[in-house]
Amino acid sequence: MPGKRKSNNLVNNLQLVIFTITYLLSWLLLYGLFLYFTPEASIRFHVLATLALLILGVVFWAFLFVLFRVPHLMATRFDAIKNRVASGEIASREQFSRELATFLPDFFEYAFCDVEHAAVKAGKSKPVFSDEQLGEYKNWDAIGKAAAETDGPIRHGRIRIGRSVYYAYTIPIWFNDENLGFFTIFARQHQGLVRLKFFTDLEEHFIDDQLMLLTYKEVLKKKK
């Protein structure tokens, strides 16, 4: 529905504008209070403090922007994959895994949530990688076994791939009491509980039902 999508984008953009204005006014108020309580401080102190507040404000804004914006955009961007599953263009779990392995690094390109690589495993099929180098660095059978025994994020710590070091996390994929696989992300920064919630929400609200639907389709196709 183009009209509905345009309406949703308008609402999301309006929310972002209101949030930005409120944030800016709050920092201006904070800066005004700083000047009010330090009238006798030197000009050098005021200049350094102003620069520090400016840098802190920009960094904090970037972090809040990620927390505020990602959930809205994630639903919109993932909708394209859901539509392709519904239309039959994506007809197997392997195709879906490849789409997801591409989606994760493409979408999560934010300052505080940057996914560089991803691996996805659905059912008993082999893992699909956004970069084939990933197959050399982890014991994917062990990860699959661990994912089948927990429904929470699995932290692997720092992993070196080539000349780069990443923080790796695995998100098990569950539908009710059935484990459907997992996906592993390789991020440039440590992902805390709040940012990991993006990935668990993605699994819970977007991935699990699509993967279950494709599983049923494959079973029915084999019975025919």
C-alpha atoms as a PDB file:
ATOM      1  CA  MET A   1       0.000   0.000   0.000  1.00  0.00           C
ATOM      2  CA  PRO A   2       1.962   3.054  -1.204  1.00  0.00           C
ATOM      3  CA  GLY A   3      -0.425   5.494   0.481  1.00  0.00           C
ATOM      4  CA  LYS A   4      -0.179   3.749   3.840  1.00  0.00           C
ATOM      5  CA  ARG A   5       3.616   3.526   3.618  1.00  0.00           C
ATOM      6  CA  LYS A   6       3.829   7.237   2.789  1.00  0.00           C
ATOM      7  CA  SER A   7       1.603   8.030   5.761  1.00  0.00           C
ATOM      8  CA  ASN A   8       3.756   5.937   8.107  1.00  0.00           C
ATOM      9  CA  ASN A   9       6.920   7.645   6.871  1.00  0.00           C
ATOM     10  CA  LEU A  10       5.316  11.044   7.468  1.00  0.00           C
ATOM     11  CA  VAL A  11       4.400  10.118  11.044  1.00  0.00           C
ATOM     12  CA  ASN A  12       7.869   8.713  11.729  1.00  0.00           C
ATOM     13  CA  ASN A  13       9.570  11.805  10.288  1.00  0.00           C
ATOM     14  CA  LEU A  14       7.322  14.089  12.329  1.00  0.00           C
ATOM     15  CA  GLN A  15       8.192  12.172  15.486  1.00  0.00           C
ATOM     16  CA  LEU A  16      11.881  12.518  14.659  1.00  0.00           C
ATOM     17  CA  VAL A  17      11.543  16.282  14.101  1.00  0.00           C
ATOM     18  CA  ILE A  18       9.706  16.762  17.400  1.00  0.00           C
ATOM     19  CA  PHE A  19      12.268  14.612  19.200  1.00  0.00           C
ATOM     20  CA  THR A  20      15.168  16.570  17.650  1.00  0.00           C
ATOM     21  CA  ILE A  21      13.689  19.945  18.590  1.00  0.00           C
ATOM     22  CA  THR A  22      13.033  18.784  22.158  1.00  0.00           C
ATOM     23  CA  TYR A  23      16.563  17.419  22.440  1.00  0.00           C
ATOM     24  CA  LEU A  24      18.106  20.645  21.103  1.00  0.00           C
ATOM     25  CA  LEU A  25      16.074  22.831  23.468  1.00  0.00           C
ATOM     26  CA  SER A  26      17.072  20.625  26.398  1.00  0.00           C
ATOM     27  CA  TRP A  27      20.762  21.043  25.623  1.00  0.00           C
ATOM     28  CA  LEU A  28      20.364  24.797  25.159  1.00  0.00           C
ATOM     29  CA  LEU A  29      18.717  24.938  28.580  1.00  0.00           C
ATOM     30  CA  LEU A  30      21.566  22.891  30.054  1.00  0.00           C
ATOM     31  CA  TYR A  31      24.122  25.230  28.467  1.00  0.00           C
ATOM     32  CA  GLY A  32      22.258  28.262  29.779  1.00  0.00           C
ATOM     33  CA  LEU A  33      22.334  26.823  33.301  1.00  0.00           C
ATOM     34  CA  PHE A  34      26.049  26.163  32.920  1.00  0.00           C
ATOM     35  CA  LEU A  35      26.703  29.800  31.995  1.00  0.00           C
ATOM     36  CA  TYR A  36      24.420  31.021  34.797  1.00  0.00           C
ATOM     37  CA  PHE A  37      26.294  29.089  37.503  1.00  0.00           C
ATOM     38  CA  THR A  38      29.801  29.871  36.184  1.00  0.00           C
ATOM     39  CA  PRO A  39      29.742  33.660  35.607  1.00  0.00           C
ATOM     40  CA  GLU A  40      33.240  34.218  37.012  1.00  0.00           C
ATOM     41  CA  ALA A  41      34.986  31.417  35.119  1.00  0.00           C
ATOM     42  CA  SER A  42      37.654  32.304  32.571  1.00  0.00           C
ATOM     43  CA  ILE A  43      36.937  32.601  28.856  1.00  0.00           C
ATOM     44  CA  ARG A  44      39.249  29.652  28.217  1.00  0.00           C
ATOM     45  CA  PHE A  45      37.259  27.496  30.624  1.00  0.00           C
ATOM     46  CA  HIS A  46      33.979  28.501  28.933  1.00  0.00           C
ATOM     47  CA  VAL A  47      35.385  27.718  25.475  1.00  0.00           C
ATOM     48  CA  LEU A  48      36.693  24.294  26.512  1.00  0.00           C
ATOM     49  CA  ALA A  49      33.492  23.473  28.398  1.00  0.00           C
ATOM     50  CA  THR A  50      31.393  24.573  25.419  1.00  0.00           C
ATOM     51  CA  LEU A  51      33.361  22.301  23.063  1.00  0.00           C
ATOM     52  CA  ALA A  52      33.047  19.412  25.510  1.00  0.00           C
ATOM     53  CA  LEU A  53      29.281  19.900  25.810  1.00  0.00           C
ATOM     54  CA  LEU A  54      28.961  20.177  22.039  1.00  0.00           C
ATOM     55  CA  ILE A  55      30.856  16.930  21.438  1.00  0.00           C
ATOM     56  CA  LEU A  56      28.967  15.155  24.211  1.00  0.00           C
ATOM     57  CA  GLY A  57      25.662  16.416  22.836  1.00  0.00           C
ATOM     58  CA  VAL A  58      26.406  15.205  19.296  1.00  0.00           C
ATOM     59  CA  VAL A  59      27.594  11.770  20.478  1.00  0.00           C
ATOM     60  CA  PHE A  60      24.605  11.340  22.784  1.00  0.00           C
ATOM     61  CA  TRP A  61      22.269  12.459  19.967  1.00  0.00           C
ATOM     62  CA  ALA A  62      23.768   9.861  17.609  1.00  0.00           C
ATOM     63  CA  PHE A  63      23.157   7.153  20.213  1.00  0.00           C
ATOM     64  CA  LEU A  64      19.572   8.281  20.834  1.00  0.00           C
ATOM     65  CA  PHE A  65      18.978   8.542  17.094  1.00  0.00           C
ATOM     66  CA  VAL A  66      19.840   4.859  16.728  1.00  0.00           C
ATOM     67  CA  LEU A  67      17.520   3.880  19.583  1.00  0.00           C
ATOM     68  CA  PHE A  68      14.709   6.035  18.222  1.00  0.00           C
ATOM     69  CA  ARG A  69      15.020   5.422  14.490  1.00  0.00           C
ATOM     70  CA  VAL A  70      16.020   1.781  14.042  1.00  0.00           C
ATOM     71  CA  PRO A  71      12.742   0.132  15.214  1.00  0.00           C
ATOM     72  CA  HIS A  72      10.693   2.269  12.793  1.00  0.00           C
ATOM     73  CA  LEU A  73      12.928   1.732   9.784  1.00  0.00           C
ATOM     74  CA  MET A  74      13.502  -1.961  10.496  1.00  0.00           C
ATOM     75  CA  ALA A  75       9.829  -2.790  10.029  1.00  0.00           C
ATOM     76  CA  THR A  76       9.667  -0.844   6.761  1.00  0.00           C
ATOM     77  CA  ARG A  77      12.829  -2.338   5.294  1.00  0.00           C
ATOM     78  CA  PHE A  78      12.027  -5.920   6.324  1.00  0.00           C
ATOM     79  CA  ASP A  79       8.558  -5.594   4.805  1.00  0.00           C
ATOM     80  CA  ALA A  80      10.116  -6.025   1.361  1.00  0.00           C
ATOM     81  CA  ILE A  81      11.394  -9.478   2.355  1.00  0.00           C
ATOM     82  CA  LYS A  82       7.998 -10.441   3.818  1.00  0.00           C
ATOM     83  CA  ASN A  83       6.314  -9.434   0.559  1.00  0.00           C
ATOM     84  CA  ARG A  84       8.714 -11.593  -1.447  1.00  0.00           C
ATOM     85  CA  VAL A  85       7.972 -14.545   0.836  1.00  0.00           C
ATOM     86  CA  ALA A  86       4.218 -13.985   0.421  1.00  0.00           C
ATOM     87  CA  SER A  87       4.505 -13.735  -3.361  1.00  0.00           C
ATOM     88  CA  GLY A  88       6.584 -16.919  -3.589  1.00  0.00           C
ATOM     89  CA  GLU A  89       9.670 -15.153  -4.916  1.00  0.00           C
ATOM     90  CA  ILE A  90      11.449 -16.395  -1.793  1.00  0.00           C
ATOM     91  CA  ALA A  91      10.344 -20.020  -1.703  1.00  0.00           C
ATOM     92  CA  SER A  92      12.885 -21.815   0.483  1.00  0.00           C
ATOM     93  CA  ARG A  93      14.665 -21.434   3.796  1.00  0.00           C
ATOM     94  CA  GLU A  94      18.001 -21.237   1.993  1.00  0.00           C
ATOM     95  CA  GLN A  95      16.803 -18.290  -0.110  1.00  0.00           C
ATOM     96  CA  PHE A  96      15.459 -16.616   3.018  1.00  0.00           C
ATOM     97  CA  SER A  97      18.783 -17.184   4.795  1.00  0.00           C
ATOM     98  CA  ARG A  98      20.650 -15.495   1.956  1.00  0.00           C
ATOM     99  CA  GLU A  99      18.267 -12.551   2.027  1.00  0.00           C
ATOM    100  CA  LEU A 100      18.682 -12.187   5.795  1.00  0.00           C
ATOM    101  CA  ALA A 101      22.481 -12.495   5.607  1.00  0.00           C
ATOM    102  CA  THR A 102      22.435  -9.604   3.134  1.00  0.00           C
ATOM    103  CA  PHE A 103      19.805  -7.569   5.002  1.00  0.00           C
ATOM    104  CA  LEU A 104      21.625  -7.459   8.344  1.00  0.00           C
ATOM    105  CA  PRO A 105      24.871  -5.767   7.171  1.00  0.00           C
ATOM    106  CA  ASP A 106      22.986  -3.564   4.695  1.00  0.00           C
ATOM    107  CA  PHE A 107      20.481  -2.243   7.216  1.00  0.00           C
ATOM    108  CA  PHE A 108      22.535  -1.945  10.403  1.00  0.00           C
ATOM    109  CA  GLU A 109      24.972   0.757   9.296  1.00  0.00           C
ATOM    110  CA  TYR A 110      24.589   3.107  12.251  1.00  0.00           C
ATOM    111  CA  ALA A 111      27.322   4.720  14.309  1.00  0.00           C
ATOM    112  CA  PHE A 112      26.459   2.714  17.423  1.00  0.00           C
ATOM    113  CA  CYS A 113      25.025  -0.348  15.703  1.00  0.00           C
ATOM    114  CA  ASP A 114      27.158  -1.314  12.726  1.00  0.00           C
ATOM    115  CA  VAL A 115      26.929  -4.922  11.555  1.00  0.00           C
ATOM    116  CA  GLU A 116      29.795  -5.721   9.233  1.00  0.00           C
ATOM    117  CA  HIS A 117      29.087  -9.423   8.565  1.00  0.00           C
ATOM    118  CA  ALA A 118      26.323 -11.933   9.258  1.00  0.00           C
ATOM    119  CA  ALA A 119      25.756 -15.680   9.176  1.00  0.00           C
ATOM    120  CA  VAL A 120      22.346 -17.367   9.045  1.00  0.00           C
ATOM    121  CA  LYS A 121      21.432 -21.016   9.560  1.00  0.00           C
ATOM    122  CA  ALA A 122      17.926 -22.347   9.016  1.00  0.00           C
ATOM    123  CA  GLY A 123      17.003 -25.880  10.045  1.00  0.00           C
ATOM    124  CA  LYS A 124      19.544 -28.531   9.100  1.00  0.00           C
ATOM    125  CA  SER A 125      20.939 -26.623   6.148  1.00  0.00           C
ATOM    126  CA  LYS A 126      24.488 -25.266   6.152  1.00  0.00           C
ATOM    127  CA  PRO A 127      25.053 -21.702   7.371  1.00  0.00           C
ATOM    128  CA  VAL A 128      24.859 -18.929   4.792  1.00  0.00           C
ATOM    129  CA  PHE A 129      27.442 -16.164   5.093  1.00  0.00           C
ATOM    130  CA  SER A 130      27.537 -12.554   3.969  1.00  0.00           C
ATOM    131  CA  ASP A 131      31.291 -13.173   3.547  1.00  0.00           C
ATOM    132  CA  GLU A 132      32.665 -16.669   2.975  1.00  0.00           C
ATOM    133  CA  GLN A 133      35.601 -15.937   5.294  1.00  0.00           C
ATOM    134  CA  LEU A 134      33.201 -16.376   8.219  1.00  0.00           C
ATOM    135  CA  GLY A 135      33.185 -20.147   7.739  1.00  0.00           C
ATOM    136  CA  GLU A 136      36.844 -20.317   8.751  1.00  0.00           C
ATOM    137  CA  TYR A 137      36.542 -18.608  12.120  1.00  0.00           C
ATOM    138  CA  LYS A 138      33.798 -20.285  14.143  1.00  0.00           C
ATOM    139  CA  ASN A 139      32.609 -23.787  14.974  1.00  0.00           C
ATOM    140  CA  TRP A 140      29.132 -23.402  13.515  1.00  0.00           C
ATOM    141  CA  ASP A 141      27.953 -26.851  14.632  1.00  0.00           C
ATOM    142  CA  ALA A 142      28.704 -25.913  18.244  1.00  0.00           C
ATOM    143  CA  ILE A 143      26.935 -22.588  17.810  1.00  0.00           C
ATOM    144  CA  GLY A 144      23.903 -24.367  16.387  1.00  0.00           C
ATOM    145  CA  LYS A 145      23.829 -26.714  19.365  1.00  0.00           C
ATOM    146  CA  ALA A 146      24.104 -23.793  21.792  1.00  0.00           C
ATOM    147  CA  ALA A 147      21.345 -21.900  19.971  1.00  0.00           C
ATOM    148  CA  ALA A 148      19.045 -24.908  20.304  1.00  0.00           C
ATOM    149  CA  GLU A 149      19.498 -24.854  24.087  1.00  0.00           C
ATOM    150  CA  THR A 150      18.741 -21.182  24.793  1.00  0.00           C
ATOM    151  CA  ASP A 151      16.426 -18.466  23.539  1.00  0.00           C
ATOM    152  CA  GLY A 152      18.630 -15.538  24.552  1.00  0.00           C
ATOM    153  CA  PRO A 153      21.554 -13.858  22.762  1.00  0.00           C
ATOM    154  CA  ILE A 154      24.859 -15.735  22.857  1.00  0.00           C
ATOM    155  CA  ARG A 155      27.962 -13.568  23.220  1.00  0.00           C
ATOM    156  CA  HIS A 156      31.137 -14.832  21.572  1.00  0.00           C
ATOM    157  CA  GLY A 157      33.387 -11.923  22.501  1.00  0.00           C
ATOM    158  CA  ARG A 158      35.964 -10.534  20.102  1.00  0.00           C
ATOM    159  CA  ILE A 159      36.579 -12.404  16.846  1.00  0.00           C
ATOM    160  CA  ARG A 160      39.328 -11.606  14.357  1.00  0.00           C
ATOM    161  CA  ILE A 161      38.432 -11.851  10.656  1.00  0.00           C
ATOM    162  CA  GLY A 162      41.348 -11.028   8.404  1.00  0.00           C
ATOM    163  CA  ARG A 163      42.866  -7.834   9.758  1.00  0.00           C
ATOM    164  CA  SER A 164      39.693  -6.689  11.523  1.00  0.00           C
ATOM    165  CA  VAL A 165      38.343  -7.498  14.980  1.00  0.00           C
ATOM    166  CA  TYR A 166      34.613  -7.764  15.609  1.00  0.00           C
ATOM    167  CA  TYR A 167      32.234  -8.500  18.454  1.00  0.00           C
ATOM    168  CA  ALA A 168      30.147 -11.555  17.593  1.00  0.00           C
ATOM    169  CA  TYR A 169      26.642 -12.369  18.852  1.00  0.00           C
ATOM    170  CA  THR A 170      24.273 -15.205  17.986  1.00  0.00           C
ATOM    171  CA  ILE A 171      20.497 -14.844  18.130  1.00  0.00           C
ATOM    172  CA  PRO A 172      18.615 -18.177  18.260  1.00  0.00           C
ATOM    173  CA  ILE A 173      15.478 -18.349  16.114  1.00  0.00           C
ATOM    174  CA  TRP A 174      12.478 -19.916  17.866  1.00  0.00           C
ATOM    175  CA  PHE A 175       8.849 -20.373  16.946  1.00  0.00           C
ATOM    176  CA  ASN A 176       6.956 -21.338  20.097  1.00  0.00           C
ATOM    177  CA  ASP A 177       8.980 -24.320  21.400  1.00  0.00           C
ATOM    178  CA  GLU A 178      10.661 -25.195  18.094  1.00  0.00           C
ATOM    179  CA  ASN A 179      14.170 -24.036  17.283  1.00  0.00           C
ATOM    180  CA  LEU A 180      14.405 -23.018  13.628  1.00  0.00           C
ATOM    181  CA  GLY A 181      18.057 -22.022  13.505  1.00  0.00           C
ATOM    182  CA  PHE A 182      20.034 -18.905  14.350  1.00  0.00           C
ATOM    183  CA  PHE A 183      21.764 -15.853  12.952  1.00  0.00           C
ATOM    184  CA  THR A 184      25.117 -14.460  14.032  1.00  0.00           C
ATOM    185  CA  ILE A 185      26.184 -10.853  13.661  1.00  0.00           C
ATOM    186  CA  PHE A 186      29.712  -9.445  13.625  1.00  0.00           C
ATOM    187  CA  ALA A 187      29.695  -5.837  14.853  1.00  0.00           C
ATOM    188  CA  ARG A 188      32.515  -3.326  15.101  1.00  0.00           C
ATOM    189  CA  GLN A 189      31.378  -2.228  18.550  1.00  0.00           C
ATOM    190  CA  HIS A 190      30.307  -4.009  21.698  1.00  0.00           C
ATOM    191  CA  GLN A 191      26.517  -4.284  21.665  1.00  0.00           C
ATOM    192  CA  GLY A 192      24.858  -3.762  25.037  1.00  0.00           C
ATOM    193  CA  LEU A 193      21.473  -5.062  26.164  1.00  0.00           C
ATOM    194  CA  VAL A 194      19.562  -2.182  24.565  1.00  0.00           C
ATOM    195  CA  ARG A 195      21.099  -2.589  21.116  1.00  0.00           C
ATOM    196  CA  LEU A 196      20.900  -6.387  21.242  1.00  0.00           C
ATOM    197  CA  LYS A 197      17.166  -5.879  21.761  1.00  0.00           C
ATOM    198  CA  PHE A 198      16.984  -4.723  18.117  1.00  0.00           C
ATOM    199  CA  PHE A 199      18.123  -8.164  16.986  1.00  0.00           C
ATOM    200  CA  THR A 200      15.971 -10.157  19.402  1.00  0.00           C
ATOM    201  CA  ASP A 201      12.952  -8.079  18.329  1.00  0.00           C
ATOM    202  CA  LEU A 202      13.831  -8.746  14.694  1.00  0.00           C
ATOM    203  CA  GLU A 203      13.859 -12.471  15.416  1.00  0.00           C
ATOM    204  CA  GLU A 204      10.686 -12.448  17.488  1.00  0.00           C
ATOM    205  CA  HIS A 205       8.502 -10.155  15.374  1.00  0.00           C
ATOM    206  CA  PHE A 206       9.789 -10.613  11.825  1.00  0.00           C
ATOM    207  CA  ILE A 207      12.014 -13.630  11.221  1.00  0.00           C
ATOM    208  CA  ASP A 208      10.518 -16.575  13.125  1.00  0.00           C
ATOM    209  CA  ASP A 209       7.078 -16.575  11.490  1.00  0.00           C
ATOM    210  CA  GLN A 210       8.504 -16.150   7.976  1.00  0.00           C
ATOM    211  CA  LEU A 211      10.928 -19.000   8.510  1.00  0.00           C
ATOM    212  CA  MET A 212       8.154 -21.184   9.936  1.00  0.00           C
ATOM    213  CA  LEU A 213       5.983 -20.420   6.908  1.00  0.00           C
ATOM    214  CA  LEU A 214       8.765 -21.458   4.543  1.00  0.00           C
ATOM    215  CA  THR A 215       9.348 -24.624   6.583  1.00  0.00           C
ATOM    216  CA  TYR A 216       5.698 -25.611   6.148  1.00  0.00           C
ATOM    217  CA  LYS A 217       5.857 -24.855   2.422  1.00  0.00           C
ATOM    218  CA  GLU A 218       8.905 -27.077   2.009  1.00  0.00           C
ATOM    219  CA  VAL A 219       7.238 -29.928   3.931  1.00  0.00           C
ATOM    220  CA  LEU A 220       4.067 -29.675   1.824  1.00  0.00           C
ATOM    221  CA  LYS A 221       6.120 -29.570  -1.376  1.00  0.00           C
ATOM    222  CA  LYS A 222       7.895 -32.808  -0.425  1.00  0.00           C
ATOM    223  CA  LYS A 223       4.570 -34.554   0.282  1.00  0.00           C
ATOM    224  CA  LYS A 224       3.211 -33.777  -3.194  1.00  0.00           C
END
